[in-house]
Amino acid sequence: MFIFSGLTMLVFGLIEFKKNKKIVGWFLVVVFILSIFVAIQYFINIKTFPNVS
């Protein structure tokens, strides 16, 4: 879920860059990076501690 929402934010960010809205574009790219980081941390936590939710 986090991965797909992150990819959506990346696409929206690239669209905003094409519209020359740099601040909104950078914000959406940062949101993409943070959501991918959260998704990776979640998967690492599940593999490390499978019984903890």
PDB file of N, CA and C in Angstrom:
ATOM      1  N   MET A   1       0.829  -1.188   0.000  1.00  0.00           N
ATOM      2  CA  MET A   1       0.000   0.000   0.000  1.00  0.00           C
ATOM      3  C   MET A   1       0.878   1.259   0.000  1.00  0.00           C
ATOM      4  N   PHE A   2       1.899   1.268   0.869  1.00  0.00           N
ATOM      5  CA  PHE A   2       2.786   2.430   0.921  1.00  0.00           C
ATOM      6  C   PHE A   2       3.549   2.601  -0.389  1.00  0.00           C
ATOM      7  N   ILE A   3       3.892   1.474  -1.007  1.00  0.00           N
ATOM      8  CA  ILE A   3       4.670   1.551  -2.248  1.00  0.00           C
ATOM      9  C   ILE A   3       3.845   2.190  -3.358  1.00  0.00           C
ATOM     10  N   PHE A   4       2.585   1.777  -3.492  1.00  0.00           N
ATOM     11  CA  PHE A   4       1.742   2.331  -4.553  1.00  0.00           C
ATOM     12  C   PHE A   4       1.415   3.799  -4.315  1.00  0.00           C
ATOM     13  N   SER A   5       1.162   4.159  -3.066  1.00  0.00           N
ATOM     14  CA  SER A   5       0.898   5.577  -2.797  1.00  0.00           C
ATOM     15  C   SER A   5       2.164   6.406  -3.016  1.00  0.00           C
ATOM     16  N   GLY A   6       3.320   5.836  -2.678  1.00  0.00           N
ATOM     17  CA  GLY A   6       4.579   6.528  -2.932  1.00  0.00           C
ATOM     18  C   GLY A   6       4.830   6.732  -4.416  1.00  0.00           C
ATOM     19  N   LEU A   7       4.568   5.707  -5.204  1.00  0.00           N
ATOM     20  CA  LEU A   7       4.744   5.837  -6.651  1.00  0.00           C
ATOM     21  C   LEU A   7       3.771   6.857  -7.239  1.00  0.00           C
ATOM     22  N   THR A   8       2.569   6.911  -6.685  1.00  0.00           N
ATOM     23  CA  THR A   8       1.606   7.910  -7.134  1.00  0.00           C
ATOM     24  C   THR A   8       2.116   9.321  -6.835  1.00  0.00           C
ATOM     25  N   MET A   9       2.692   9.505  -5.650  1.00  0.00           N
ATOM     26  CA  MET A   9       3.241  10.814  -5.293  1.00  0.00           C
ATOM     27  C   MET A   9       4.412  11.174  -6.207  1.00  0.00           C
ATOM     28  N   LEU A  10       5.217  10.183  -6.584  1.00  0.00           N
ATOM     29  CA  LEU A  10       6.326  10.443  -7.499  1.00  0.00           C
ATOM     30  C   LEU A  10       5.808  10.902  -8.854  1.00  0.00           C
ATOM     31  N   VAL A  11       4.781  10.229  -9.363  1.00  0.00           N
ATOM     32  CA  VAL A  11       4.214  10.618 -10.662  1.00  0.00           C
ATOM     33  C   VAL A  11       3.619  12.019 -10.588  1.00  0.00           C
ATOM     34  N   PHE A  12       2.874  12.311  -9.511  1.00  0.00           N
ATOM     35  CA  PHE A  12       2.313  13.648  -9.360  1.00  0.00           C
ATOM     36  C   PHE A  12       3.421  14.698  -9.247  1.00  0.00           C
ATOM     37  N   GLY A  13       4.504  14.347  -8.564  1.00  0.00           N
ATOM     38  CA  GLY A  13       5.627  15.268  -8.450  1.00  0.00           C
ATOM     39  C   GLY A  13       6.262  15.567  -9.789  1.00  0.00           C
ATOM     40  N   LEU A  14       6.428  14.543 -10.612  1.00  0.00           N
ATOM     41  CA  LEU A  14       6.998  14.751 -11.943  1.00  0.00           C
ATOM     42  C   LEU A  14       6.070  15.587 -12.816  1.00  0.00           C
ATOM     43  N   ILE A  15       4.765  15.375 -12.676  1.00  0.00           N
ATOM     44  CA  ILE A  15       3.803  16.189 -13.426  1.00  0.00           C
ATOM     45  C   ILE A  15       3.897  17.654 -12.997  1.00  0.00           C
ATOM     46  N   GLU A  16       4.042  17.880 -11.686  1.00  0.00           N
ATOM     47  CA  GLU A  16       4.155  19.254 -11.198  1.00  0.00           C
ATOM     48  C   GLU A  16       5.458  19.905 -11.668  1.00  0.00           C
ATOM     49  N   PHE A  17       6.552  19.112 -11.767  1.00  0.00           N
ATOM     50  CA  PHE A  17       7.799  19.663 -12.305  1.00  0.00           C
ATOM     51  C   PHE A  17       7.601  20.118 -13.748  1.00  0.00           C
ATOM     52  N   LYS A  18       6.841  19.347 -14.535  1.00  0.00           N
ATOM     53  CA  LYS A  18       6.601  19.731 -15.924  1.00  0.00           C
ATOM     54  C   LYS A  18       5.767  21.007 -16.023  1.00  0.00           C
ATOM     55  N   LYS A  19       4.941  21.260 -14.999  1.00  0.00           N
ATOM     56  CA  LYS A  19       4.139  22.488 -14.965  1.00  0.00           C
ATOM     57  C   LYS A  19       4.924  23.657 -14.375  1.00  0.00           C
ATOM     58  N   ASN A  20       6.215  23.450 -14.076  1.00  0.00           N
ATOM     59  CA  ASN A  20       7.097  24.440 -13.463  1.00  0.00           C
ATOM     60  C   ASN A  20       6.651  24.841 -12.064  1.00  0.00           C
ATOM     61  N   LYS A  21       6.017  23.950 -11.350  1.00  0.00           N
ATOM     62  CA  LYS A  21       5.680  24.167  -9.947  1.00  0.00           C
ATOM     63  C   LYS A  21       6.705  23.393  -9.116  1.00  0.00           C
ATOM     64  N   LYS A  22       7.859  24.016  -8.935  1.00  0.00           N
ATOM     65  CA  LYS A  22       9.003  23.330  -8.337  1.00  0.00           C
ATOM     66  C   LYS A  22       8.782  22.965  -6.868  1.00  0.00           C
ATOM     67  N   ILE A  23       8.188  23.854  -6.091  1.00  0.00           N
ATOM     68  CA  ILE A  23       8.044  23.603  -4.652  1.00  0.00           C
ATOM     69  C   ILE A  23       7.110  22.422  -4.410  1.00  0.00           C
ATOM     70  N   VAL A  24       5.974  22.407  -5.099  1.00  0.00           N
ATOM     71  CA  VAL A  24       5.035  21.295  -4.945  1.00  0.00           C
ATOM     72  C   VAL A  24       5.668  20.011  -5.469  1.00  0.00           C
ATOM     73  N   GLY A  25       6.399  20.093  -6.555  1.00  0.00           N
ATOM     74  CA  GLY A  25       7.084  18.925  -7.108  1.00  0.00           C
ATOM     75  C   GLY A  25       8.082  18.339  -6.134  1.00  0.00           C
ATOM     76  N   TRP A  26       8.906  19.201  -5.518  1.00  0.00           N
ATOM     77  CA  TRP A  26       9.879  18.709  -4.542  1.00  0.00           C
ATOM     78  C   TRP A  26       9.200  18.116  -3.321  1.00  0.00           C
ATOM     79  N   PHE A  27       8.104  18.746  -2.873  1.00  0.00           N
ATOM     80  CA  PHE A  27       7.362  18.220  -1.734  1.00  0.00           C
ATOM     81  C   PHE A  27       6.860  16.809  -2.020  1.00  0.00           C
ATOM     82  N   LEU A  28       6.300  16.598  -3.202  1.00  0.00           N
ATOM     83  CA  LEU A  28       5.776  15.278  -3.546  1.00  0.00           C
ATOM     84  C   LEU A  28       6.890  14.247  -3.704  1.00  0.00           C
ATOM     85  N   VAL A  29       8.042  14.651  -4.198  1.00  0.00           N
ATOM     86  CA  VAL A  29       9.179  13.726  -4.305  1.00  0.00           C
ATOM     87  C   VAL A  29       9.672  13.333  -2.914  1.00  0.00           C
ATOM     88  N   VAL A  30       9.704  14.293  -1.984  1.00  0.00           N
ATOM     89  CA  VAL A  30      10.114  13.983  -0.606  1.00  0.00           C
ATOM     90  C   VAL A  30       9.107  13.037   0.047  1.00  0.00           C
ATOM     91  N   VAL A  31       7.817  13.244  -0.206  1.00  0.00           N
ATOM     92  CA  VAL A  31       6.792  12.336   0.315  1.00  0.00           C
ATOM     93  C   VAL A  31       6.999  10.933  -0.256  1.00  0.00           C
ATOM     94  N   PHE A  32       7.355  10.844  -1.537  1.00  0.00           N
ATOM     95  CA  PHE A  32       7.655   9.555  -2.157  1.00  0.00           C
ATOM     96  C   PHE A  32       8.819   8.866  -1.454  1.00  0.00           C
ATOM     97  N   ILE A  33       9.893   9.590  -1.201  1.00  0.00           N
ATOM     98  CA  ILE A  33      11.068   9.003  -0.553  1.00  0.00           C
ATOM     99  C   ILE A  33      10.730   8.519   0.849  1.00  0.00           C
ATOM    100  N   LEU A  34       9.981   9.317   1.596  1.00  0.00           N
ATOM    101  CA  LEU A  34       9.609   8.912   2.954  1.00  0.00           C
ATOM    102  C   LEU A  34       8.688   7.691   2.952  1.00  0.00           C
ATOM    103  N   SER A  35       7.747   7.632   2.020  1.00  0.00           N
ATOM    104  CA  SER A  35       6.835   6.486   1.994  1.00  0.00           C
ATOM    105  C   SER A  35       7.559   5.209   1.588  1.00  0.00           C
ATOM    106  N   ILE A  36       8.514   5.301   0.686  1.00  0.00           N
ATOM    107  CA  ILE A  36       9.305   4.123   0.318  1.00  0.00           C
ATOM    108  C   ILE A  36      10.156   3.681   1.508  1.00  0.00           C
ATOM    109  N   PHE A  37      10.723   4.643   2.239  1.00  0.00           N
ATOM    110  CA  PHE A  37      11.498   4.316   3.434  1.00  0.00           C
ATOM    111  C   PHE A  37      10.638   3.591   4.463  1.00  0.00           C
ATOM    112  N   VAL A  38       9.418   4.074   4.685  1.00  0.00           N
ATOM    113  CA  VAL A  38       8.504   3.430   5.637  1.00  0.00           C
ATOM    114  C   VAL A  38       8.155   2.021   5.177  1.00  0.00           C
ATOM    115  N   ALA A  39       7.913   1.841   3.892  1.00  0.00           N
ATOM    116  CA  ALA A  39       7.582   0.514   3.374  1.00  0.00           C
ATOM    117  C   ALA A  39       8.738  -0.456   3.562  1.00  0.00           C
ATOM    118  N   ILE A  40       9.959  -0.008   3.311  1.00  0.00           N
ATOM    119  CA  ILE A  40      11.132  -0.876   3.488  1.00  0.00           C
ATOM    120  C   ILE A  40      11.303  -1.236   4.956  1.00  0.00           C
ATOM    121  N   GLN A  41      11.156  -0.257   5.837  1.00  0.00           N
ATOM    122  CA  GLN A  41      11.276  -0.528   7.272  1.00  0.00           C
ATOM    123  C   GLN A  41      10.201  -1.506   7.734  1.00  0.00           C
ATOM    124  N   TYR A  42       9.006  -1.381   7.199  1.00  0.00           N
ATOM    125  CA  TYR A  42       7.918  -2.281   7.557  1.00  0.00           C
ATOM    126  C   TYR A  42       8.256  -3.715   7.154  1.00  0.00           C
ATOM    127  N   PHE A  43       8.748  -3.912   5.925  1.00  0.00           N
ATOM    128  CA  PHE A  43       9.078  -5.253   5.460  1.00  0.00           C
ATOM    129  C   PHE A  43      10.254  -5.842   6.233  1.00  0.00           C
ATOM    130  N   ILE A  44      11.222  -5.021   6.593  1.00  0.00           N
ATOM    131  CA  ILE A  44      12.347  -5.503   7.406  1.00  0.00           C
ATOM    132  C   ILE A  44      11.851  -5.928   8.776  1.00  0.00           C
ATOM    133  N   ASN A  45      10.945  -5.153   9.363  1.00  0.00           N
ATOM    134  CA  ASN A  45      10.409  -5.478  10.683  1.00  0.00           C
ATOM    135  C   ASN A  45       9.603  -6.774  10.636  1.00  0.00           C
ATOM    136  N   ILE A  46       8.827  -6.992   9.593  1.00  0.00           N
ATOM    137  CA  ILE A  46       8.031  -8.216   9.475  1.00  0.00           C
ATOM    138  C   ILE A  46       8.942  -9.431   9.346  1.00  0.00           C
ATOM    139  N   LYS A  47      10.029  -9.315   8.577  1.00  0.00           N
ATOM    140  CA  LYS A  47      10.932 -10.454   8.411  1.00  0.00           C
ATOM    141  C   LYS A  47      11.746 -10.719   9.679  1.00  0.00           C
ATOM    142  N   THR A  48      12.062  -9.677  10.429  1.00  0.00           N
ATOM    143  CA  THR A  48      12.869  -9.836  11.623  1.00  0.00           C
ATOM    144  C   THR A  48      12.041 -10.357  12.792  1.00  0.00           C
ATOM    145  N   PHE A  49      10.838  -9.784  12.977  1.00  0.00           N
ATOM    146  CA  PHE A  49       9.952 -10.164  14.067  1.00  0.00           C
ATOM    147  C   PHE A  49       8.596 -10.579  13.508  1.00  0.00           C
ATOM    148  N   PRO A  50       8.465 -11.817  13.034  1.00  0.00           N
ATOM    149  CA  PRO A  50       7.231 -12.206  12.349  1.00  0.00           C
ATOM    150  C   PRO A  50       5.991 -12.243  13.240  1.00  0.00           C
ATOM    151  N   ASN A  51       6.131 -12.405  14.564  1.00  0.00           N
ATOM    152  CA  ASN A  51       4.967 -12.502  15.431  1.00  0.00           C
ATOM    153  C   ASN A  51       4.525 -11.165  16.006  1.00  0.00           C
ATOM    154  N   VAL A  52       5.272 -10.105  15.753  1.00  0.00           N
ATOM    155  CA  VAL A  52       4.930  -8.780  16.267  1.00  0.00           C
ATOM    156  C   VAL A  52       4.229  -8.002  15.167  1.00  0.00           C
ATOM    157  N   SER A  53       3.062  -7.450  15.460  1.00  0.00           N
ATOM    158  CA  SER A  53       2.354  -6.692  14.433  1.00  0.00           C
ATOM    159  C   SER A  53       2.341  -5.219  14.692  1.00  0.00           C
TER     160      SER A  53
END
